[in-house]
Amino acid sequence: MKALVKLADIPRSTYYHLVKRMNQPDPDINLKAEIKAIYEEHDGRYGYRRIRDELANRGQKVNHKKIQRIMKELGLKCLVRMKKYKS
């Protein structure tokens, strides 16, 4: 273990901190499911701002940066619809 920590050039405490975090369950699992459901309900048209507003309507107050990070982890991207051409 000492050789691996030295080879990776990280402190021993960092190694134990990462091991401890790997064994914990994901605290945002319910939020991820809710975000994915909202995204699919609106056919991928909602970005992080609209999803934040929808979650607020459903009674969950979540920071927009957290929603943006979770969407990036899940690979969810807002689809931009084409604007109609008017001459």
N, C-alpha and C. Protein backbone atom coordinates (compact mmCIF):
# COMPACT_ATOMS: atom_id res chain seq x y z
N MET A 1 0.84 -1.19 0.00
CA MET A 1 0.00 0.00 0.00
C MET A 1 0.88 1.24 0.00
N LYS A 2 1.93 1.23 0.82
CA LYS A 2 2.83 2.39 0.89
C LYS A 2 3.47 2.66 -0.47
N ALA A 3 3.84 1.58 -1.16
CA ALA A 3 4.48 1.74 -2.47
C ALA A 3 3.51 2.34 -3.49
N LEU A 4 2.25 1.91 -3.43
CA LEU A 4 1.25 2.44 -4.37
C LEU A 4 0.99 3.92 -4.14
N VAL A 5 0.91 4.30 -2.89
CA VAL A 5 0.67 5.71 -2.55
C VAL A 5 1.86 6.55 -2.99
N LYS A 6 3.04 6.02 -2.78
CA LYS A 6 4.26 6.75 -3.17
C LYS A 6 4.34 6.84 -4.69
N LEU A 7 3.98 5.75 -5.38
CA LEU A 7 4.00 5.73 -6.83
C LEU A 7 2.99 6.72 -7.42
N ALA A 8 1.82 6.79 -6.83
CA ALA A 8 0.78 7.70 -7.29
C ALA A 8 1.05 9.14 -6.86
N ASP A 9 1.98 9.33 -5.93
CA ASP A 9 2.37 10.65 -5.42
C ASP A 9 1.18 11.39 -4.81
N ILE A 10 0.42 10.65 -3.97
CA ILE A 10 -0.68 11.26 -3.22
C ILE A 10 -0.48 10.96 -1.74
N PRO A 11 -1.00 11.83 -0.88
CA PRO A 11 -0.90 11.56 0.56
C PRO A 11 -1.71 10.32 0.95
N ARG A 12 -1.28 9.66 2.03
CA ARG A 12 -1.96 8.45 2.50
C ARG A 12 -3.40 8.76 2.91
N SER A 13 -3.60 9.92 3.51
CA SER A 13 -4.95 10.29 3.95
C SER A 13 -5.90 10.46 2.76
N THR A 14 -5.38 10.94 1.63
CA THR A 14 -6.20 11.08 0.43
C THR A 14 -6.66 9.72 -0.06
N TYR A 15 -5.77 8.75 -0.02
CA TYR A 15 -6.12 7.38 -0.42
C TYR A 15 -7.27 6.85 0.43
N TYR A 16 -7.17 6.99 1.74
CA TYR A 16 -8.21 6.48 2.63
C TYR A 16 -9.52 7.25 2.45
N HIS A 17 -9.41 8.54 2.18
CA HIS A 17 -10.62 9.34 1.95
C HIS A 17 -11.35 8.84 0.70
N LEU A 18 -10.60 8.56 -0.38
CA LEU A 18 -11.22 8.07 -1.61
C LEU A 18 -11.83 6.69 -1.43
N VAL A 19 -11.16 5.82 -0.67
CA VAL A 19 -11.69 4.48 -0.41
C VAL A 19 -12.99 4.58 0.37
N LYS A 20 -13.02 5.48 1.35
CA LYS A 20 -14.22 5.65 2.17
C LYS A 20 -15.40 6.16 1.32
N ARG A 21 -15.13 7.08 0.40
CA ARG A 21 -16.18 7.64 -0.46
C ARG A 21 -16.69 6.61 -1.46
N MET A 22 -15.83 5.71 -1.92
CA MET A 22 -16.25 4.70 -2.90
C MET A 22 -17.25 3.72 -2.30
N ASN A 23 -17.17 3.47 -1.01
CA ASN A 23 -18.05 2.49 -0.36
C ASN A 23 -19.39 3.06 0.06
N GLN A 24 -19.58 4.38 -0.08
CA GLN A 24 -20.84 5.00 0.34
C GLN A 24 -21.85 4.97 -0.80
N PRO A 25 -23.15 4.84 -0.48
CA PRO A 25 -24.17 4.89 -1.53
C PRO A 25 -24.31 6.31 -2.08
N ASP A 26 -24.83 6.43 -3.27
CA ASP A 26 -25.01 7.73 -3.92
C ASP A 26 -26.14 8.50 -3.23
N PRO A 27 -25.85 9.68 -2.67
CA PRO A 27 -26.90 10.44 -1.98
C PRO A 27 -27.91 11.09 -2.94
N ASP A 28 -27.56 11.23 -4.21
CA ASP A 28 -28.42 11.92 -5.17
C ASP A 28 -29.18 10.97 -6.09
N ILE A 29 -29.34 9.73 -5.69
CA ILE A 29 -29.97 8.75 -6.59
C ILE A 29 -31.43 9.10 -6.89
N ASN A 30 -32.16 9.59 -5.90
CA ASN A 30 -33.56 9.98 -6.13
C ASN A 30 -33.65 11.21 -7.02
N LEU A 31 -32.75 12.16 -6.79
CA LEU A 31 -32.73 13.39 -7.59
C LEU A 31 -32.38 13.07 -9.05
N LYS A 32 -31.45 12.15 -9.26
CA LYS A 32 -31.07 11.76 -10.62
C LYS A 32 -32.27 11.14 -11.35
N ALA A 33 -33.00 10.30 -10.66
CA ALA A 33 -34.18 9.67 -11.27
C ALA A 33 -35.24 10.72 -11.61
N GLU A 34 -35.42 11.68 -10.74
CA GLU A 34 -36.41 12.74 -10.96
C GLU A 34 -36.01 13.61 -12.16
N ILE A 35 -34.73 13.96 -12.24
CA ILE A 35 -34.24 14.78 -13.36
C ILE A 35 -34.42 14.03 -14.67
N LYS A 36 -34.07 12.75 -14.67
CA LYS A 36 -34.20 11.95 -15.89
C LYS A 36 -35.65 11.83 -16.31
N ALA A 37 -36.56 11.69 -15.33
CA ALA A 37 -37.99 11.58 -15.63
C ALA A 37 -38.51 12.88 -16.25
N ILE A 38 -38.12 14.02 -15.71
CA ILE A 38 -38.56 15.31 -16.25
C ILE A 38 -38.00 15.50 -17.66
N TYR A 39 -36.73 15.14 -17.84
CA TYR A 39 -36.09 15.28 -19.15
C TYR A 39 -36.81 14.45 -20.20
N GLU A 40 -37.13 13.20 -19.86
CA GLU A 40 -37.80 12.32 -20.83
C GLU A 40 -39.28 12.70 -21.02
N GLU A 41 -39.89 13.23 -19.98
CA GLU A 41 -41.30 13.66 -20.06
C GLU A 41 -41.47 14.77 -21.09
N HIS A 42 -40.44 15.62 -21.23
CA HIS A 42 -40.50 16.75 -22.15
C HIS A 42 -39.65 16.51 -23.40
N ASP A 43 -39.38 15.25 -23.71
CA ASP A 43 -38.69 14.85 -24.94
C ASP A 43 -37.33 15.52 -25.12
N GLY A 44 -36.63 15.76 -24.03
CA GLY A 44 -35.28 16.30 -24.11
C GLY A 44 -35.22 17.79 -24.41
N ARG A 45 -36.33 18.46 -24.33
CA ARG A 45 -36.37 19.90 -24.63
C ARG A 45 -36.00 20.77 -23.43
N TYR A 46 -36.00 20.20 -22.24
CA TYR A 46 -35.73 21.00 -21.05
C TYR A 46 -34.24 20.96 -20.71
N GLY A 47 -33.70 22.14 -20.48
CA GLY A 47 -32.33 22.27 -20.00
C GLY A 47 -32.32 22.35 -18.48
N TYR A 48 -31.16 22.67 -17.92
CA TYR A 48 -31.05 22.67 -16.46
C TYR A 48 -31.91 23.74 -15.81
N ARG A 49 -32.13 24.86 -16.48
CA ARG A 49 -32.93 25.94 -15.88
C ARG A 49 -34.40 25.52 -15.75
N ARG A 50 -34.93 24.97 -16.83
CA ARG A 50 -36.34 24.56 -16.80
C ARG A 50 -36.53 23.37 -15.86
N ILE A 51 -35.56 22.49 -15.82
CA ILE A 51 -35.66 21.35 -14.89
C ILE A 51 -35.63 21.85 -13.46
N ARG A 52 -34.79 22.86 -13.18
CA ARG A 52 -34.77 23.45 -11.84
C ARG A 52 -36.13 24.02 -11.48
N ASP A 53 -36.75 24.73 -12.43
CA ASP A 53 -38.06 25.31 -12.19
C ASP A 53 -39.13 24.24 -11.98
N GLU A 54 -39.05 23.17 -12.76
CA GLU A 54 -40.01 22.07 -12.62
C GLU A 54 -39.85 21.37 -11.27
N LEU A 55 -38.60 21.19 -10.83
CA LEU A 55 -38.37 20.60 -9.51
C LEU A 55 -38.90 21.51 -8.41
N ALA A 56 -38.76 22.82 -8.59
CA ALA A 56 -39.30 23.77 -7.61
C ALA A 56 -40.82 23.67 -7.56
N ASN A 57 -41.46 23.49 -8.72
CA ASN A 57 -42.92 23.32 -8.75
C ASN A 57 -43.35 22.04 -8.05
N ARG A 58 -42.49 21.02 -8.09
CA ARG A 58 -42.79 19.75 -7.44
C ARG A 58 -42.36 19.73 -5.97
N GLY A 59 -41.81 20.84 -5.48
CA GLY A 59 -41.50 20.94 -4.06
C GLY A 59 -40.06 20.63 -3.68
N GLN A 60 -39.18 20.50 -4.66
CA GLN A 60 -37.76 20.26 -4.36
C GLN A 60 -36.96 21.48 -4.77
N LYS A 61 -36.25 22.05 -3.80
CA LYS A 61 -35.44 23.22 -4.10
C LYS A 61 -33.99 22.75 -4.24
N VAL A 62 -33.45 22.84 -5.47
CA VAL A 62 -32.10 22.35 -5.76
C VAL A 62 -31.35 23.44 -6.51
N ASN A 63 -30.07 23.60 -6.22
CA ASN A 63 -29.24 24.58 -6.88
C ASN A 63 -29.07 24.22 -8.35
N HIS A 64 -29.05 25.23 -9.22
CA HIS A 64 -28.93 24.99 -10.66
C HIS A 64 -27.59 24.36 -11.03
N LYS A 65 -26.55 24.67 -10.28
CA LYS A 65 -25.24 24.09 -10.57
C LYS A 65 -25.22 22.59 -10.31
N LYS A 66 -25.93 22.16 -9.30
CA LYS A 66 -26.02 20.73 -9.00
C LYS A 66 -26.79 20.00 -10.10
N ILE A 67 -27.88 20.60 -10.57
CA ILE A 67 -28.66 20.01 -11.65
C ILE A 67 -27.82 19.93 -12.92
N GLN A 68 -27.06 20.98 -13.18
CA GLN A 68 -26.21 21.01 -14.36
C GLN A 68 -25.15 19.91 -14.29
N ARG A 69 -24.56 19.72 -13.12
CA ARG A 69 -23.53 18.70 -12.93
C ARG A 69 -24.12 17.29 -13.10
N ILE A 70 -25.31 17.06 -12.53
CA ILE A 70 -25.95 15.76 -12.64
C ILE A 70 -26.33 15.46 -14.09
N MET A 71 -26.84 16.46 -14.80
CA MET A 71 -27.19 16.27 -16.20
C MET A 71 -25.96 15.92 -17.04
N LYS A 72 -24.86 16.54 -16.71
CA LYS A 72 -23.62 16.25 -17.42
C LYS A 72 -23.16 14.81 -17.15
N GLU A 73 -23.29 14.37 -15.89
CA GLU A 73 -22.94 13.00 -15.52
C GLU A 73 -23.81 11.99 -16.26
N LEU A 74 -25.11 12.30 -16.38
CA LEU A 74 -26.06 11.39 -17.02
C LEU A 74 -26.03 11.49 -18.55
N GLY A 75 -25.33 12.50 -19.07
CA GLY A 75 -25.25 12.67 -20.52
C GLY A 75 -26.52 13.26 -21.11
N LEU A 76 -27.25 14.04 -20.33
CA LEU A 76 -28.49 14.66 -20.80
C LEU A 76 -28.18 16.07 -21.31
N LYS A 77 -28.58 16.34 -22.54
CA LYS A 77 -28.35 17.64 -23.14
C LYS A 77 -29.65 18.15 -23.72
N CYS A 78 -29.90 19.43 -23.58
CA CYS A 78 -31.12 20.04 -24.11
C CYS A 78 -31.06 20.06 -25.63
N LEU A 79 -32.13 19.63 -26.28
CA LEU A 79 -32.22 19.69 -27.73
C LEU A 79 -32.86 21.02 -28.11
N VAL A 80 -32.22 21.73 -29.01
CA VAL A 80 -32.73 23.03 -29.44
C VAL A 80 -33.64 22.81 -30.63
N ARG A 81 -34.86 23.27 -30.53
CA ARG A 81 -35.79 23.08 -31.66
C ARG A 81 -35.51 24.15 -32.72
N MET A 82 -35.81 23.80 -33.94
CA MET A 82 -35.59 24.71 -35.05
C MET A 82 -36.59 25.86 -35.00
N LYS A 83 -36.12 27.05 -35.26
CA LYS A 83 -37.00 28.21 -35.33
C LYS A 83 -37.67 28.23 -36.70
N LYS A 84 -38.90 28.64 -36.74
CA LYS A 84 -39.60 28.74 -38.02
C LYS A 84 -39.12 29.97 -38.76
N TYR A 85 -38.90 29.81 -40.05
CA TYR A 85 -38.43 30.92 -40.87
C TYR A 85 -39.60 31.79 -41.28
N LYS A 86 -39.48 33.07 -41.04
CA LYS A 86 -40.51 34.03 -41.45
C LYS A 86 -39.83 35.12 -42.27
N SER A 87 -40.32 35.34 -43.45
CA SER A 87 -39.72 36.40 -44.28
C SER A 87 -40.65 37.59 -44.39
